[in-house]
């Protein structure tokens, strides 16, 4: 069964955590009184980049900017579909300056960047899932941004409402396994959104709260390999049973800021 899963080569954009820290609290995970081990964070981040490259993926990097401790969470800065880039407009004033260096990087690479008019936090809430985009709202990205994304990309956008503050971005509660399926934690969503997900993905991998709280759903899949938190053991077992290959990568130091593997990884879809 495992052999039936075929990986595809991906291009990822990341940002070195040289200035990573927890200096403010904009989600329940963040506690400025809990120190960050920056040396450990650097080692963990480097291990993620190494494992991506070891699996054949291309990794580009944006230079970190002093004073922007969350810039390491590259996924939040934009979403890219078909070579078109929808930038970010962060809810928190502390994060809004992050948009500028990412926009500059994309422009230097030859991409046009559309600046959203509404609060929009990139792949944090806009998850590209085959034929459509799954779009989270409730804590950060607004419904108006969902409309902007649909008009800009010309791709159907399906709005989903998040209700648990520990899962403040869609990419903490759900990730795409391949073109046809996802894994998610139902209780992170409103009743109507749970019904929508059950209708669209009747064969989805359903995560427990324990695995979701271990950042198991802040994962990255290339269609075969799933780069996943090593603490999400139950989820990893389910993935193995479905023919995927879990690749554990420990980003526990980044959990202190409410982020994990996917938060640190933006996919550039040309």
C-alpha atoms as a PDB file:
ATOM      1  CA  UNK A   1       0.000   0.000   0.000  1.00  0.00           C
ATOM      2  CA  UNK A   2       2.843   2.381   0.846  1.00  0.00           C
ATOM      3  CA  UNK A   3       4.273   2.032  -2.645  1.00  0.00           C
ATOM      4  CA  UNK A   4       1.046   3.475  -4.086  1.00  0.00           C
ATOM      5  CA  UNK A   5       1.801   6.854  -2.491  1.00  0.00           C
ATOM      6  CA  UNK A   6       3.888   8.939  -4.856  1.00  0.00           C
ATOM      7  CA  UNK A   7       5.733  12.010  -3.569  1.00  0.00           C
ATOM      8  CA  UNK A   8       6.010  15.163  -5.641  1.00  0.00           C
ATOM      9  CA  UNK A   9       8.922  17.570  -5.588  1.00  0.00           C
ATOM     10  CA  UNK A  10       8.092  20.781  -3.770  1.00  0.00           C
ATOM     11  CA  UNK A  11       9.638  24.229  -3.482  1.00  0.00           C
ATOM     12  CA  UNK A  12       9.590  25.656   0.024  1.00  0.00           C
ATOM     13  CA  UNK A  13      10.341  29.107   1.383  1.00  0.00           C
ATOM     14  CA  UNK A  14      11.682  29.449   4.922  1.00  0.00           C
ATOM     15  CA  UNK A  15      13.298  32.046   7.186  1.00  0.00           C
ATOM     16  CA  UNK A  16      16.219  31.483   9.530  1.00  0.00           C
ATOM     17  CA  UNK A  17      15.203  31.801  13.218  1.00  0.00           C
ATOM     18  CA  UNK A  18      18.166  34.003  14.094  1.00  0.00           C
ATOM     19  CA  UNK A  19      15.842  36.540  15.754  1.00  0.00           C
ATOM     20  CA  UNK A  20      13.207  34.095  17.005  1.00  0.00           C
ATOM     21  CA  UNK A  21      11.819  34.836  20.460  1.00  0.00           C
ATOM     22  CA  UNK A  22       8.545  35.145  22.380  1.00  0.00           C
ATOM     23  CA  UNK A  23       8.273  38.838  23.206  1.00  0.00           C
ATOM     24  CA  UNK A  24       4.486  39.248  23.200  1.00  0.00           C
ATOM     25  CA  UNK A  25       1.386  37.060  23.473  1.00  0.00           C
ATOM     26  CA  UNK A  26      -1.027  36.902  20.549  1.00  0.00           C
ATOM     27  CA  UNK A  27      -2.146  33.275  20.993  1.00  0.00           C
ATOM     28  CA  UNK A  28      -2.564  30.964  24.022  1.00  0.00           C
ATOM     29  CA  UNK A  29       0.778  29.242  23.420  1.00  0.00           C
ATOM     30  CA  UNK A  30       2.855  32.393  23.803  1.00  0.00           C
ATOM     31  CA  UNK A  31       4.297  33.194  27.227  1.00  0.00           C
ATOM     32  CA  UNK A  32       6.994  35.885  27.214  1.00  0.00           C
ATOM     33  CA  UNK A  33       8.107  34.718  30.672  1.00  0.00           C
ATOM     34  CA  UNK A  34       9.159  31.349  29.236  1.00  0.00           C
ATOM     35  CA  UNK A  35      12.628  31.723  27.687  1.00  0.00           C
ATOM     36  CA  UNK A  36      13.449  30.473  24.195  1.00  0.00           C
ATOM     37  CA  UNK A  37      16.566  28.365  23.704  1.00  0.00           C
ATOM     38  CA  UNK A  38      17.730  30.006  20.495  1.00  0.00           C
ATOM     39  CA  UNK A  39      20.595  27.564  19.925  1.00  0.00           C
ATOM     40  CA  UNK A  40      18.164  24.649  20.158  1.00  0.00           C
ATOM     41  CA  UNK A  41      15.704  26.424  17.872  1.00  0.00           C
ATOM     42  CA  UNK A  42      18.466  26.886  15.301  1.00  0.00           C
ATOM     43  CA  UNK A  43      19.376  23.188  15.436  1.00  0.00           C
ATOM     44  CA  UNK A  44      15.759  22.093  15.120  1.00  0.00           C
ATOM     45  CA  UNK A  45      15.106  24.434  12.210  1.00  0.00           C
ATOM     46  CA  UNK A  46      18.268  23.306  10.430  1.00  0.00           C
ATOM     47  CA  UNK A  47      17.210  19.674  10.859  1.00  0.00           C
ATOM     48  CA  UNK A  48      13.898  20.497   9.144  1.00  0.00           C
ATOM     49  CA  UNK A  49      15.674  22.091   6.182  1.00  0.00           C
ATOM     50  CA  UNK A  50      18.086  19.158   5.934  1.00  0.00           C
ATOM     51  CA  UNK A  51      15.278  16.606   5.913  1.00  0.00           C
ATOM     52  CA  UNK A  52      13.380  18.529   3.214  1.00  0.00           C
ATOM     53  CA  UNK A  53      16.448  18.522   0.996  1.00  0.00           C
ATOM     54  CA  UNK A  54      17.172  14.875   1.780  1.00  0.00           C
ATOM     55  CA  UNK A  55      13.715  14.065   0.388  1.00  0.00           C
ATOM     56  CA  UNK A  56      14.380  15.943  -2.856  1.00  0.00           C
ATOM     57  CA  UNK A  57      12.676  19.255  -2.142  1.00  0.00           C
ATOM     58  CA  UNK A  58      14.009  22.697  -2.990  1.00  0.00           C
ATOM     59  CA  UNK A  59      14.364  25.145  -0.114  1.00  0.00           C
ATOM     60  CA  UNK A  60      14.751  28.913  -0.526  1.00  0.00           C
ATOM     61  CA  UNK A  61      15.296  31.311   2.341  1.00  0.00           C
ATOM     62  CA  UNK A  62      14.316  34.865   3.247  1.00  0.00           C
ATOM     63  CA  UNK A  63      16.826  36.823   5.331  1.00  0.00           C
ATOM     64  CA  UNK A  64      15.522  37.432   8.871  1.00  0.00           C
ATOM     65  CA  UNK A  65      15.034  40.977  10.098  1.00  0.00           C
ATOM     66  CA  UNK A  66      15.955  42.106  13.626  1.00  0.00           C
ATOM     67  CA  UNK A  67      12.933  42.969  15.727  1.00  0.00           C
ATOM     68  CA  UNK A  68      10.629  40.520  13.917  1.00  0.00           C
ATOM     69  CA  UNK A  69      10.750  37.404  16.138  1.00  0.00           C
ATOM     70  CA  UNK A  70       7.881  35.621  14.345  1.00  0.00           C
ATOM     71  CA  UNK A  71       9.306  36.080  10.863  1.00  0.00           C
ATOM     72  CA  UNK A  72      10.514  32.465  11.045  1.00  0.00           C
ATOM     73  CA  UNK A  73       6.879  31.447  10.500  1.00  0.00           C
ATOM     74  CA  UNK A  74       7.109  31.812   6.731  1.00  0.00           C
ATOM     75  CA  UNK A  75       3.751  30.210   6.000  1.00  0.00           C
ATOM     76  CA  UNK A  76       1.905  33.244   7.349  1.00  0.00           C
ATOM     77  CA  UNK A  77       3.471  35.736   4.943  1.00  0.00           C
ATOM     78  CA  UNK A  78       1.691  34.741   1.722  1.00  0.00           C
ATOM     79  CA  UNK A  79      -0.032  32.026  -0.270  1.00  0.00           C
ATOM     80  CA  UNK A  80       1.154  31.099  -3.753  1.00  0.00           C
ATOM     81  CA  UNK A  81      -1.026  29.379  -6.358  1.00  0.00           C
ATOM     82  CA  UNK A  82      -0.015  28.976  -9.992  1.00  0.00           C
ATOM     83  CA  UNK A  83       2.827  31.450  -9.559  1.00  0.00           C
ATOM     84  CA  UNK A  84       0.486  34.133  -8.250  1.00  0.00           C
ATOM     85  CA  UNK A  85       1.267  35.547  -4.815  1.00  0.00           C
ATOM     86  CA  UNK A  86      -1.320  36.844  -2.376  1.00  0.00           C
ATOM     87  CA  UNK A  87       0.580  38.629   0.376  1.00  0.00           C
ATOM     88  CA  UNK A  88      -0.363  39.137   3.996  1.00  0.00           C
ATOM     89  CA  UNK A  89      -1.979  41.718   6.225  1.00  0.00           C
ATOM     90  CA  UNK A  90      -1.474  40.520   9.778  1.00  0.00           C
ATOM     91  CA  UNK A  91      -4.027  41.135  12.502  1.00  0.00           C
ATOM     92  CA  UNK A  92      -1.432  41.832  15.191  1.00  0.00           C
ATOM     93  CA  UNK A  93       0.432  45.145  14.745  1.00  0.00           C
ATOM     94  CA  UNK A  94       3.608  43.420  15.967  1.00  0.00           C
ATOM     95  CA  UNK A  95       3.635  41.167  12.898  1.00  0.00           C
ATOM     96  CA  UNK A  96       2.574  43.555  10.157  1.00  0.00           C
ATOM     97  CA  UNK A  97       6.141  44.590   9.238  1.00  0.00           C
ATOM     98  CA  UNK A  98       6.913  40.959   8.291  1.00  0.00           C
ATOM     99  CA  UNK A  99       5.011  41.417   5.034  1.00  0.00           C
ATOM    100  CA  UNK A 100       7.630  43.784   3.623  1.00  0.00           C
ATOM    101  CA  UNK A 101      10.724  41.519   3.455  1.00  0.00           C
ATOM    102  CA  UNK A 102       8.664  38.641   2.104  1.00  0.00           C
ATOM    103  CA  UNK A 103       7.110  40.835  -0.573  1.00  0.00           C
ATOM    104  CA  UNK A 104      10.577  42.055  -1.509  1.00  0.00           C
ATOM    105  CA  UNK A 105      11.836  38.481  -1.805  1.00  0.00           C
ATOM    106  CA  UNK A 106       8.999  37.447  -4.097  1.00  0.00           C
ATOM    107  CA  UNK A 107       9.447  40.503  -6.296  1.00  0.00           C
ATOM    108  CA  UNK A 108      13.198  39.832  -6.562  1.00  0.00           C
ATOM    109  CA  UNK A 109      12.321  36.312  -7.726  1.00  0.00           C
ATOM    110  CA  UNK A 110      10.105  37.704 -10.475  1.00  0.00           C
ATOM    111  CA  UNK A 111       6.690  37.255  -8.850  1.00  0.00           C
ATOM    112  CA  UNK A 112       3.945  39.854  -8.771  1.00  0.00           C
ATOM    113  CA  UNK A 113       2.505  40.281  -5.287  1.00  0.00           C
ATOM    114  CA  UNK A 114      -1.068  41.294  -4.556  1.00  0.00           C
ATOM    115  CA  UNK A 115      -1.527  43.030  -1.221  1.00  0.00           C
ATOM    116  CA  UNK A 116      -4.781  42.033   0.474  1.00  0.00           C
ATOM    117  CA  UNK A 117      -7.146  44.733   1.682  1.00  0.00           C
ATOM    118  CA  UNK A 118      -8.494  42.590   4.530  1.00  0.00           C
ATOM    119  CA  UNK A 119      -6.695  40.788   7.334  1.00  0.00           C
ATOM    120  CA  UNK A 120      -5.128  37.758   5.681  1.00  0.00           C
ATOM    121  CA  UNK A 121      -2.429  35.561   7.190  1.00  0.00           C
ATOM    122  CA  UNK A 122      -1.237  33.562   4.209  1.00  0.00           C
ATOM    123  CA  UNK A 123      -1.041  29.809   4.383  1.00  0.00           C
ATOM    124  CA  UNK A 124      -1.819  30.031   8.065  1.00  0.00           C
ATOM    125  CA  UNK A 125      -5.482  30.263   7.074  1.00  0.00           C
ATOM    126  CA  UNK A 126      -5.524  29.622   3.305  1.00  0.00           C
ATOM    127  CA  UNK A 127      -4.785  25.959   2.720  1.00  0.00           C
ATOM    128  CA  UNK A 128      -4.504  24.888  -0.917  1.00  0.00           C
ATOM    129  CA  UNK A 129      -6.280  21.553  -1.226  1.00  0.00           C
ATOM    130  CA  UNK A 130      -6.383  20.268  -4.789  1.00  0.00           C
ATOM    131  CA  UNK A 131      -9.339  21.822  -6.599  1.00  0.00           C
ATOM    132  CA  UNK A 132     -10.096  24.434  -3.972  1.00  0.00           C
ATOM    133  CA  UNK A 133      -8.714  26.466  -1.106  1.00  0.00           C
ATOM    134  CA  UNK A 134      -9.834  25.700   2.425  1.00  0.00           C
ATOM    135  CA  UNK A 135      -9.976  29.007   4.298  1.00  0.00           C
ATOM    136  CA  UNK A 136     -10.025  29.508   8.041  1.00  0.00           C
ATOM    137  CA  UNK A 137     -11.585  32.376   9.954  1.00  0.00           C
ATOM    138  CA  UNK A 138     -12.613  33.102  13.503  1.00  0.00           C
ATOM    139  CA  UNK A 139      -9.362  34.367  15.013  1.00  0.00           C
ATOM    140  CA  UNK A 140      -7.178  35.921  12.307  1.00  0.00           C
ATOM    141  CA  UNK A 141      -8.019  35.932   8.577  1.00  0.00           C
ATOM    142  CA  UNK A 142     -11.388  37.524   7.779  1.00  0.00           C
ATOM    143  CA  UNK A 143     -14.178  36.283   5.541  1.00  0.00           C
ATOM    144  CA  UNK A 144     -13.579  39.309   3.326  1.00  0.00           C
ATOM    145  CA  UNK A 145     -10.072  37.954   2.702  1.00  0.00           C
ATOM    146  CA  UNK A 146     -11.601  34.637   1.616  1.00  0.00           C
ATOM    147  CA  UNK A 147     -13.500  36.561  -1.046  1.00  0.00           C
ATOM    148  CA  UNK A 148     -10.345  38.401  -2.088  1.00  0.00           C
ATOM    149  CA  UNK A 149      -8.483  35.094  -2.446  1.00  0.00           C
ATOM    150  CA  UNK A 150     -11.207  33.607  -4.634  1.00  0.00           C
ATOM    151  CA  UNK A 151     -11.295  36.642  -6.892  1.00  0.00           C
ATOM    152  CA  UNK A 152      -7.504  36.807  -7.137  1.00  0.00           C
ATOM    153  CA  UNK A 153      -6.785  33.130  -7.757  1.00  0.00           C
ATOM    154  CA  UNK A 154     -10.004  32.176  -9.544  1.00  0.00           C
ATOM    155  CA  UNK A 155     -10.168  29.082  -7.366  1.00  0.00           C
ATOM    156  CA  UNK A 156     -13.180  28.097  -5.221  1.00  0.00           C
ATOM    157  CA  UNK A 157     -12.638  29.066  -1.591  1.00  0.00           C
ATOM    158  CA  UNK A 158     -14.419  27.131   1.135  1.00  0.00           C
ATOM    159  CA  UNK A 159     -14.768  29.021   4.396  1.00  0.00           C
ATOM    160  CA  UNK A 160     -14.320  27.176   7.697  1.00  0.00           C
ATOM    161  CA  UNK A 161     -14.852  28.671  11.145  1.00  0.00           C
ATOM    162  CA  UNK A 162     -12.334  27.950  13.900  1.00  0.00           C
ATOM    163  CA  UNK A 163     -13.673  28.001  17.475  1.00  0.00           C
ATOM    164  CA  UNK A 164     -10.805  26.894  19.750  1.00  0.00           C
ATOM    165  CA  UNK A 165      -8.157  29.588  20.444  1.00  0.00           C
ATOM    166  CA  UNK A 166      -5.418  26.953  20.677  1.00  0.00           C
ATOM    167  CA  UNK A 167      -6.076  26.346  16.967  1.00  0.00           C
ATOM    168  CA  UNK A 168      -6.065  29.980  15.930  1.00  0.00           C
ATOM    169  CA  UNK A 169      -4.879  29.285  12.362  1.00  0.00           C
ATOM    170  CA  UNK A 170      -6.329  26.684  10.043  1.00  0.00           C
ATOM    171  CA  UNK A 171      -2.895  25.106   9.594  1.00  0.00           C
ATOM    172  CA  UNK A 172      -2.820  24.169  13.282  1.00  0.00           C
ATOM    173  CA  UNK A 173      -6.052  22.171  12.940  1.00  0.00           C
ATOM    174  CA  UNK A 174      -5.824  20.692   9.428  1.00  0.00           C
ATOM    175  CA  UNK A 175      -3.296  19.759   6.764  1.00  0.00           C
ATOM    176  CA  UNK A 176      -3.458  18.401   3.236  1.00  0.00           C
ATOM    177  CA  UNK A 177      -2.214  14.856   2.716  1.00  0.00           C
ATOM    178  CA  UNK A 178      -2.515  14.824  -1.078  1.00  0.00           C
ATOM    179  CA  UNK A 179      -4.765  16.135  -3.837  1.00  0.00           C
ATOM    180  CA  UNK A 180      -7.728  14.171  -2.489  1.00  0.00           C
ATOM    181  CA  UNK A 181      -7.503  13.959   1.289  1.00  0.00           C
ATOM    182  CA  UNK A 182      -6.711  15.771   4.530  1.00  0.00           C
ATOM    183  CA  UNK A 183      -6.132  15.175   8.230  1.00  0.00           C
ATOM    184  CA  UNK A 184      -7.907  17.358  10.787  1.00  0.00           C
ATOM    185  CA  UNK A 185      -9.181  17.771  14.343  1.00  0.00           C
ATOM    186  CA  UNK A 186     -12.979  18.197  14.173  1.00  0.00           C
ATOM    187  CA  UNK A 187     -13.474  19.938  17.530  1.00  0.00           C
ATOM    188  CA  UNK A 188     -11.374  22.882  16.351  1.00  0.00           C
ATOM    189  CA  UNK A 189     -14.259  23.807  14.013  1.00  0.00           C
ATOM    190  CA  UNK A 190     -17.820  25.072  14.321  1.00  0.00           C
ATOM    191  CA  UNK A 191     -20.594  22.473  13.898  1.00  0.00           C
ATOM    192  CA  UNK A 192     -21.403  23.628  10.361  1.00  0.00           C
ATOM    193  CA  UNK A 193     -17.742  23.562   9.334  1.00  0.00           C
ATOM    194  CA  UNK A 194     -17.392  20.032  10.705  1.00  0.00           C
ATOM    195  CA  UNK A 195     -20.309  18.996   8.506  1.00  0.00           C
ATOM    196  CA  UNK A 196     -18.680  20.587   5.471  1.00  0.00           C
ATOM    197  CA  UNK A 197     -15.385  18.779   6.105  1.00  0.00           C
ATOM    198  CA  UNK A 198     -17.154  15.461   6.645  1.00  0.00           C
ATOM    199  CA  UNK A 199     -18.985  15.917   3.338  1.00  0.00           C
ATOM    200  CA  UNK A 200     -15.891  16.904   1.366  1.00  0.00           C
ATOM    201  CA  UNK A 201     -13.531  14.392   3.003  1.00  0.00           C
ATOM    202  CA  UNK A 202     -15.432  11.298   4.164  1.00  0.00           C
ATOM    203  CA  UNK A 203     -12.165   9.335   4.324  1.00  0.00           C
ATOM    204  CA  UNK A 204     -10.131  11.987   6.177  1.00  0.00           C
ATOM    205  CA  UNK A 205      -7.665  11.110   8.897  1.00  0.00           C
ATOM    206  CA  UNK A 206      -9.221  12.271  12.165  1.00  0.00           C
ATOM    207  CA  UNK A 207      -6.780  13.450  14.818  1.00  0.00           C
ATOM    208  CA  UNK A 208      -7.271  13.345  18.568  1.00  0.00           C
ATOM    209  CA  UNK A 209      -6.949  16.464  20.705  1.00  0.00           C
ATOM    210  CA  UNK A 210      -3.749  15.040  22.159  1.00  0.00           C
ATOM    211  CA  UNK A 211      -2.126  14.789  18.732  1.00  0.00           C
ATOM    212  CA  UNK A 212      -3.505  18.171  17.674  1.00  0.00           C
ATOM    213  CA  UNK A 213      -2.100  19.824  20.809  1.00  0.00           C
ATOM    214  CA  UNK A 214       1.260  18.242  19.969  1.00  0.00           C
ATOM    215  CA  UNK A 215       1.184  20.212  16.679  1.00  0.00           C
ATOM    216  CA  UNK A 216       0.585  16.999  14.768  1.00  0.00           C
ATOM    217  CA  UNK A 217      -1.667  18.824  12.315  1.00  0.00           C
ATOM    218  CA  UNK A 218       0.889  21.545  11.656  1.00  0.00           C
ATOM    219  CA  UNK A 219       2.487  19.092   9.259  1.00  0.00           C
ATOM    220  CA  UNK A 220       3.737  19.119   5.680  1.00  0.00           C
ATOM    221  CA  UNK A 221       3.068  16.326   3.186  1.00  0.00           C
ATOM    222  CA  UNK A 222       4.579  15.746  -0.239  1.00  0.00           C
ATOM    223  CA  UNK A 223       1.954  13.123  -1.046  1.00  0.00           C
ATOM    224  CA  UNK A 224       3.928  10.251   0.463  1.00  0.00           C
ATOM    225  CA  UNK A 225       6.166  11.576   3.228  1.00  0.00           C
ATOM    226  CA  UNK A 226       4.526  13.477   6.064  1.00  0.00           C
ATOM    227  CA  UNK A 227       6.879  15.691   8.048  1.00  0.00           C
ATOM    228  CA  UNK A 228       5.231  15.549  11.453  1.00  0.00           C
ATOM    229  CA  UNK A 229       5.789  16.287  15.131  1.00  0.00           C
ATOM    230  CA  UNK A 230       7.308  13.225  16.845  1.00  0.00           C
ATOM    231  CA  UNK A 231       4.917  13.687  19.778  1.00  0.00           C
ATOM    232  CA  UNK A 232       1.885  13.005  17.576  1.00  0.00           C
ATOM    233  CA  UNK A 233       2.278   9.242  17.831  1.00  0.00           C
ATOM    234  CA  UNK A 234      -1.353   8.319  17.324  1.00  0.00           C
ATOM    235  CA  UNK A 235      -1.575  10.408  14.182  1.00  0.00           C
ATOM    236  CA  UNK A 236       1.664   8.909  12.851  1.00  0.00           C
ATOM    237  CA  UNK A 237       0.241   5.415  13.347  1.00  0.00           C
ATOM    238  CA  UNK A 238      -2.893   6.352  11.401  1.00  0.00           C
ATOM    239  CA  UNK A 239      -0.815   7.812   8.592  1.00  0.00           C
ATOM    240  CA  UNK A 240       1.251   4.643   8.382  1.00  0.00           C
ATOM    241  CA  UNK A 241      -1.921   2.569   8.193  1.00  0.00           C
ATOM    242  CA  UNK A 242      -3.065   4.738   5.264  1.00  0.00           C
ATOM    243  CA  UNK A 243       0.179   4.165   3.361  1.00  0.00           C
ATOM    244  CA  UNK A 244       1.948   7.433   4.154  1.00  0.00           C
ATOM    245  CA  UNK A 245       5.456   7.594   5.571  1.00  0.00           C
ATOM    246  CA  UNK A 246       5.719   9.735   8.712  1.00  0.00           C
ATOM    247  CA  UNK A 247       9.004  11.635   8.979  1.00  0.00           C
ATOM    248  CA  UNK A 248       9.305  12.932  12.561  1.00  0.00           C
ATOM    249  CA  UNK A 249      10.885  16.368  12.919  1.00  0.00           C
ATOM    250  CA  UNK A 250      11.107  17.964  16.355  1.00  0.00           C
ATOM    251  CA  UNK A 251      10.314  21.689  16.353  1.00  0.00           C
ATOM    252  CA  UNK A 252       9.295  21.799  20.011  1.00  0.00           C
ATOM    253  CA  UNK A 253      11.086  25.088  20.678  1.00  0.00           C
ATOM    254  CA  UNK A 254       8.803  26.791  18.167  1.00  0.00           C
ATOM    255  CA  UNK A 255       5.719  25.442  19.936  1.00  0.00           C
ATOM    256  CA  UNK A 256       6.400  28.117  22.561  1.00  0.00           C
ATOM    257  CA  UNK A 257       5.213  30.669  19.991  1.00  0.00           C
ATOM    258  CA  UNK A 258       2.347  28.527  18.711  1.00  0.00           C
ATOM    259  CA  UNK A 259       4.129  27.252  15.602  1.00  0.00           C
ATOM    260  CA  UNK A 260       5.517  24.068  14.149  1.00  0.00           C
ATOM    261  CA  UNK A 261       6.618  22.458  10.906  1.00  0.00           C
ATOM    262  CA  UNK A 262       4.012  23.977   8.598  1.00  0.00           C
ATOM    263  CA  UNK A 263       4.216  27.397  10.211  1.00  0.00           C
ATOM    264  CA  UNK A 264       7.905  27.452   9.297  1.00  0.00           C
ATOM    265  CA  UNK A 265       7.226  26.330   5.719  1.00  0.00           C
ATOM    266  CA  UNK A 266       5.645  28.179   2.838  1.00  0.00           C
ATOM    267  CA  UNK A 267       5.096  26.292  -0.400  1.00  0.00           C
ATOM    268  CA  UNK A 268       5.799  28.081  -3.686  1.00  0.00           C
ATOM    269  CA  UNK A 269       3.403  26.658  -6.261  1.00  0.00           C
ATOM    270  CA  UNK A 270       4.545  27.762  -9.707  1.00  0.00           C
END
